[in-house]
Amino acid sequence: MDVKIPFYNITNIFLPGLVFTGSCILLFIDKIKVIVNSISELSNTGLEILIIISSIGIAYEVGYIIFRLGAILIEPILKKMFDLAPYERFVAAKKAGAEQSLDMLSREYGYTRTRITLFILLSATTGLNSHWMLMVVCILCVVLFTLTVRGHIQKILTTVETYAIKNSTSQNIP
């Protein structure tokens, strides 16, 4: 079986899912112990392997949900907070020669947006569980990644504008 998972999916979907599920396990360790004890009574059945494989699948699916929540809920907020380049200008700049740099900046923007979503969810989860110091750390991470996304957006805007100017100048030359 040849399985190829793109690096983007590992870093932007699987890792946030793993971090979130791992954090939830630590936050709800007492409840997890009960589940683990009931599973350990069924030892020597090969169930452990099934649980490990299922856990990997669950982490990936949780990460995918976090990724999609970022696109649906966080993206509009970021668009209101910071001016994003209109998509048409973004595509035009890619066609004018900025494809490689814009693809990289776009990926970085996506990573950062997913991390904002992850830490918002973690801050809510830690707050519900009365872990106030962890909640503050998660909120500080949201602020950090929001400032980071602002930098990515500014770089994207600069690149789009640079290529828009180059493209309009080259079209005016006879």
Foldseek 3Di string as FASTA:
>chain_A
DDDDDDPLLCLQALVLLVVLVVVVCVLPVVVVVVVVVVVVVVPPPCVVVVVVVVSSVRSRVSSVVLLVCLVPPVVVVLCVVAPADPVVLLVLLCVLPCVVVLVVLVSVLSSLSSLLSSLVVVLVVCVVSVVNVSNVVSVVSNVVSSVVSNVSRVVSVVSSVVSVVVVVVVVPDD
